[in-house]
Amino acid sequence: MKEHAFLALIQALRAKPGLSRFLRVAGSGASMRLRVDRAAVAAEQRLDGKFLLRTSDPTLSAEEVALGYKQFHQVELAYGVPVPAARYWHPYLQ
């Protein structure tokens, strides 16, 4: 791949944080290569399938917060309110 095409590819990938956080550029000039950052992949796998819910009420237990979130979602569905995409916090999306 020509160097200018490779640089354009790198710029396109950096514009997509979902992809770029797992890739690293190794080398320089004509010897540049894209490498998978295995440490970043392993860190992501530890969080896969886990959801973090936050509340401003410190007296609620984790179970109460989760139940309240589920009930809120069920009420939205019952009244035909369009359910927005899940709002969640992720360390890579700050």
N, C-alpha and C. Protein backbone atom coordinates (compact mmCIF):
# COMPACT_ATOMS: atom_id res chain seq x y z
N MET A 1 0.85 -1.17 0.00
CA MET A 1 0.00 0.00 0.00
C MET A 1 0.90 1.24 0.00
N LYS A 2 0.57 2.21 -0.81
CA LYS A 2 1.37 3.42 -0.87
C LYS A 2 1.23 4.20 0.43
N GLU A 3 2.30 4.94 0.75
CA GLU A 3 2.35 5.63 2.04
C GLU A 3 1.21 6.63 2.22
N HIS A 4 0.88 7.41 1.17
CA HIS A 4 -0.20 8.39 1.34
C HIS A 4 -1.55 7.72 1.51
N ALA A 5 -1.77 6.58 0.89
CA ALA A 5 -3.01 5.83 1.06
C ALA A 5 -3.08 5.25 2.47
N PHE A 6 -1.94 4.80 2.97
CA PHE A 6 -1.88 4.25 4.32
C PHE A 6 -2.17 5.35 5.35
N LEU A 7 -1.60 6.54 5.16
CA LEU A 7 -1.86 7.66 6.07
C LEU A 7 -3.33 8.07 6.04
N ALA A 8 -3.95 8.03 4.86
CA ALA A 8 -5.37 8.34 4.75
C ALA A 8 -6.20 7.29 5.51
N LEU A 9 -5.79 6.04 5.43
CA LEU A 9 -6.48 4.97 6.17
C LEU A 9 -6.36 5.20 7.67
N ILE A 10 -5.18 5.57 8.14
CA ILE A 10 -4.98 5.82 9.56
C ILE A 10 -5.85 6.99 10.02
N GLN A 11 -5.93 8.05 9.24
CA GLN A 11 -6.78 9.19 9.59
C GLN A 11 -8.25 8.79 9.65
N ALA A 12 -8.67 7.96 8.72
CA ALA A 12 -10.06 7.49 8.72
C ALA A 12 -10.36 6.64 9.95
N LEU A 13 -9.40 5.81 10.35
CA LEU A 13 -9.60 4.97 11.53
C LEU A 13 -9.60 5.79 12.81
N ARG A 14 -8.79 6.82 12.87
CA ARG A 14 -8.75 7.67 14.07
C ARG A 14 -10.06 8.43 14.25
N ALA A 15 -10.79 8.63 13.17
CA ALA A 15 -12.09 9.31 13.26
C ALA A 15 -13.16 8.39 13.85
N LYS A 16 -12.86 7.12 13.96
CA LYS A 16 -13.81 6.14 14.50
C LYS A 16 -13.24 5.58 15.80
N PRO A 17 -13.61 6.17 16.95
CA PRO A 17 -13.03 5.73 18.22
C PRO A 17 -13.30 4.27 18.55
N GLY A 18 -14.38 3.72 18.03
CA GLY A 18 -14.67 2.32 18.28
C GLY A 18 -13.64 1.38 17.69
N LEU A 19 -13.01 1.81 16.62
CA LEU A 19 -11.97 0.99 15.97
C LEU A 19 -10.57 1.40 16.41
N SER A 20 -10.33 2.70 16.47
CA SER A 20 -8.97 3.18 16.68
C SER A 20 -8.40 2.82 18.04
N ARG A 21 -9.25 2.60 19.04
CA ARG A 21 -8.70 2.28 20.35
C ARG A 21 -8.06 0.90 20.40
N PHE A 22 -8.32 0.08 19.41
CA PHE A 22 -7.73 -1.26 19.37
C PHE A 22 -6.55 -1.37 18.41
N LEU A 23 -6.22 -0.29 17.72
CA LEU A 23 -5.15 -0.34 16.73
C LEU A 23 -4.01 0.58 17.11
N ARG A 24 -2.79 0.16 16.81
CA ARG A 24 -1.60 0.97 17.02
C ARG A 24 -0.79 0.98 15.74
N VAL A 25 -0.13 2.10 15.49
CA VAL A 25 0.74 2.21 14.34
C VAL A 25 2.15 1.87 14.79
N ALA A 26 2.77 0.92 14.11
CA ALA A 26 4.13 0.52 14.42
C ALA A 26 5.04 0.92 13.26
N GLY A 27 6.23 1.36 13.57
CA GLY A 27 7.19 1.73 12.54
C GLY A 27 6.95 3.15 12.06
N SER A 28 7.72 3.53 11.04
CA SER A 28 7.58 4.86 10.47
C SER A 28 7.97 4.80 8.99
N GLY A 29 7.53 5.81 8.26
CA GLY A 29 7.84 5.87 6.83
C GLY A 29 7.24 4.71 6.08
N ALA A 30 8.05 4.10 5.21
CA ALA A 30 7.57 3.00 4.37
C ALA A 30 7.34 1.72 5.17
N SER A 31 7.89 1.64 6.39
CA SER A 31 7.73 0.42 7.18
C SER A 31 6.58 0.50 8.18
N MET A 32 5.67 1.49 8.04
CA MET A 32 4.54 1.61 8.96
C MET A 32 3.58 0.44 8.78
N ARG A 33 3.10 -0.06 9.92
CA ARG A 33 2.15 -1.16 9.93
C ARG A 33 1.10 -0.89 11.00
N LEU A 34 -0.10 -1.39 10.79
CA LEU A 34 -1.14 -1.36 11.81
C LEU A 34 -1.04 -2.64 12.62
N ARG A 35 -1.10 -2.50 13.94
CA ARG A 35 -1.04 -3.65 14.84
C ARG A 35 -2.23 -3.61 15.78
N VAL A 36 -2.72 -4.77 16.15
CA VAL A 36 -3.81 -4.86 17.12
C VAL A 36 -3.21 -4.69 18.51
N ASP A 37 -3.78 -3.80 19.31
CA ASP A 37 -3.35 -3.58 20.68
C ASP A 37 -4.03 -4.63 21.55
N ARG A 38 -3.32 -5.69 21.83
CA ARG A 38 -3.92 -6.82 22.57
C ARG A 38 -4.28 -6.44 24.00
N ALA A 39 -3.55 -5.52 24.60
CA ALA A 39 -3.89 -5.07 25.96
C ALA A 39 -5.23 -4.34 25.97
N ALA A 40 -5.48 -3.52 24.96
CA ALA A 40 -6.76 -2.81 24.86
C ALA A 40 -7.90 -3.79 24.63
N VAL A 41 -7.66 -4.80 23.82
CA VAL A 41 -8.69 -5.83 23.57
C VAL A 41 -9.00 -6.59 24.85
N ALA A 42 -7.96 -6.95 25.62
CA ALA A 42 -8.17 -7.68 26.88
C ALA A 42 -8.93 -6.82 27.88
N ALA A 43 -8.61 -5.52 27.95
CA ALA A 43 -9.32 -4.63 28.87
C ALA A 43 -10.79 -4.52 28.48
N GLU A 44 -11.07 -4.47 27.19
CA GLU A 44 -12.46 -4.40 26.72
C GLU A 44 -13.21 -5.69 27.03
N GLN A 45 -12.54 -6.82 26.91
CA GLN A 45 -13.20 -8.10 27.17
C GLN A 45 -13.60 -8.23 28.64
N ARG A 46 -12.84 -7.61 29.55
CA ARG A 46 -13.20 -7.67 30.97
C ARG A 46 -14.51 -6.96 31.25
N LEU A 47 -14.85 -5.94 30.44
CA LEU A 47 -16.08 -5.18 30.64
C LEU A 47 -17.23 -5.65 29.77
N ASP A 48 -16.99 -6.59 28.89
CA ASP A 48 -18.01 -7.03 27.95
C ASP A 48 -19.21 -7.62 28.69
N GLY A 49 -20.39 -7.10 28.38
CA GLY A 49 -21.62 -7.61 28.96
C GLY A 49 -22.00 -7.02 30.30
N LYS A 50 -21.22 -6.05 30.79
CA LYS A 50 -21.51 -5.43 32.08
C LYS A 50 -22.04 -4.02 31.87
N PHE A 51 -23.00 -3.64 32.65
CA PHE A 51 -23.61 -2.32 32.56
C PHE A 51 -23.44 -1.61 33.89
N LEU A 52 -23.16 -0.33 33.84
CA LEU A 52 -23.01 0.48 35.04
C LEU A 52 -24.17 1.45 35.12
N LEU A 53 -24.89 1.42 36.23
CA LEU A 53 -25.98 2.34 36.47
C LEU A 53 -25.55 3.29 37.57
N ARG A 54 -25.86 4.58 37.39
CA ARG A 54 -25.47 5.58 38.38
C ARG A 54 -26.72 6.27 38.91
N THR A 55 -26.69 6.59 40.19
CA THR A 55 -27.80 7.29 40.80
C THR A 55 -27.27 8.39 41.72
N SER A 56 -28.10 9.37 41.98
CA SER A 56 -27.72 10.44 42.90
C SER A 56 -28.18 10.14 44.33
N ASP A 57 -28.88 9.02 44.53
CA ASP A 57 -29.38 8.65 45.86
C ASP A 57 -28.46 7.58 46.46
N PRO A 58 -27.59 7.95 47.41
CA PRO A 58 -26.65 6.98 47.97
C PRO A 58 -27.30 5.94 48.88
N THR A 59 -28.58 6.12 49.22
CA THR A 59 -29.23 5.16 50.12
C THR A 59 -29.77 3.94 49.39
N LEU A 60 -29.83 3.97 48.06
CA LEU A 60 -30.35 2.84 47.28
C LEU A 60 -29.31 1.75 47.14
N SER A 61 -29.77 0.51 47.24
CA SER A 61 -28.87 -0.62 46.99
C SER A 61 -28.74 -0.84 45.49
N ALA A 62 -27.78 -1.64 45.10
CA ALA A 62 -27.58 -1.94 43.67
C ALA A 62 -28.82 -2.60 43.09
N GLU A 63 -29.47 -3.47 43.87
CA GLU A 63 -30.67 -4.16 43.39
C GLU A 63 -31.81 -3.18 43.16
N GLU A 64 -31.97 -2.20 44.06
CA GLU A 64 -33.03 -1.20 43.91
C GLU A 64 -32.81 -0.32 42.69
N VAL A 65 -31.57 0.04 42.44
CA VAL A 65 -31.25 0.86 41.27
C VAL A 65 -31.57 0.08 39.99
N ALA A 66 -31.16 -1.18 39.95
CA ALA A 66 -31.42 -2.01 38.76
C ALA A 66 -32.92 -2.20 38.55
N LEU A 67 -33.65 -2.44 39.62
CA LEU A 67 -35.10 -2.62 39.52
C LEU A 67 -35.77 -1.33 39.02
N GLY A 68 -35.35 -0.19 39.54
CA GLY A 68 -35.90 1.08 39.08
C GLY A 68 -35.64 1.32 37.61
N TYR A 69 -34.45 0.97 37.15
CA TYR A 69 -34.13 1.13 35.74
C TYR A 69 -35.02 0.23 34.87
N LYS A 70 -35.21 -1.01 35.30
CA LYS A 70 -36.06 -1.93 34.54
C LYS A 70 -37.50 -1.45 34.50
N GLN A 71 -38.01 -0.95 35.63
CA GLN A 71 -39.38 -0.45 35.67
C GLN A 71 -39.55 0.78 34.79
N PHE A 72 -38.58 1.66 34.79
CA PHE A 72 -38.62 2.84 33.95
C PHE A 72 -38.72 2.43 32.48
N HIS A 73 -37.95 1.45 32.10
CA HIS A 73 -37.97 0.96 30.72
C HIS A 73 -39.34 0.35 30.39
N GLN A 74 -39.92 -0.41 31.32
CA GLN A 74 -41.23 -1.04 31.08
C GLN A 74 -42.33 0.02 30.94
N VAL A 75 -42.26 1.09 31.72
CA VAL A 75 -43.25 2.16 31.62
C VAL A 75 -43.14 2.84 30.26
N GLU A 76 -41.92 3.11 29.81
CA GLU A 76 -41.74 3.72 28.49
C GLU A 76 -42.34 2.85 27.39
N LEU A 77 -42.13 1.55 27.49
CA LEU A 77 -42.68 0.63 26.49
C LEU A 77 -44.21 0.59 26.55
N ALA A 78 -44.76 0.59 27.76
CA ALA A 78 -46.22 0.50 27.93
C ALA A 78 -46.94 1.72 27.34
N TYR A 79 -46.34 2.89 27.46
CA TYR A 79 -46.98 4.11 26.96
C TYR A 79 -46.56 4.45 25.54
N GLY A 80 -45.82 3.59 24.92
CA GLY A 80 -45.41 3.81 23.53
C GLY A 80 -44.41 4.93 23.36
N VAL A 81 -43.70 5.24 24.43
CA VAL A 81 -42.67 6.27 24.35
C VAL A 81 -41.48 5.68 23.61
N PRO A 82 -40.98 6.39 22.61
CA PRO A 82 -39.80 5.85 21.93
C PRO A 82 -38.64 5.70 22.90
N VAL A 83 -38.12 4.52 22.97
CA VAL A 83 -37.03 4.23 23.91
C VAL A 83 -35.72 4.64 23.24
N PRO A 84 -35.00 5.59 23.85
CA PRO A 84 -33.72 5.99 23.25
C PRO A 84 -32.68 4.90 23.41
N ALA A 85 -31.62 5.04 22.68
CA ALA A 85 -30.51 4.09 22.84
C ALA A 85 -30.02 4.18 24.27
N ALA A 86 -29.54 3.08 24.78
CA ALA A 86 -29.07 3.05 26.17
C ALA A 86 -28.00 4.10 26.40
N ARG A 87 -28.12 4.78 27.51
CA ARG A 87 -27.10 5.76 27.89
C ARG A 87 -26.20 5.07 28.89
N TYR A 88 -24.97 4.92 28.55
CA TYR A 88 -24.06 4.24 29.45
C TYR A 88 -22.71 4.91 29.46
N TRP A 89 -21.98 4.64 30.51
CA TRP A 89 -20.63 5.19 30.65
C TRP A 89 -19.65 4.10 30.35
N HIS A 90 -18.64 4.45 29.64
CA HIS A 90 -17.59 3.49 29.32
C HIS A 90 -16.27 4.24 29.41
N PRO A 91 -15.24 3.62 29.97
CA PRO A 91 -13.99 4.36 30.15
C PRO A 91 -13.40 4.91 28.85
N TYR A 92 -13.70 4.30 27.72
CA TYR A 92 -13.15 4.77 26.45
C TYR A 92 -14.00 5.88 25.83
N LEU A 93 -15.18 6.13 26.35
CA LEU A 93 -16.08 7.09 25.76
C LEU A 93 -16.22 8.34 26.60
N GLN A 94 -15.17 8.78 27.21
CA GLN A 94 -15.24 9.97 28.06
C GLN A 94 -15.10 11.21 27.24
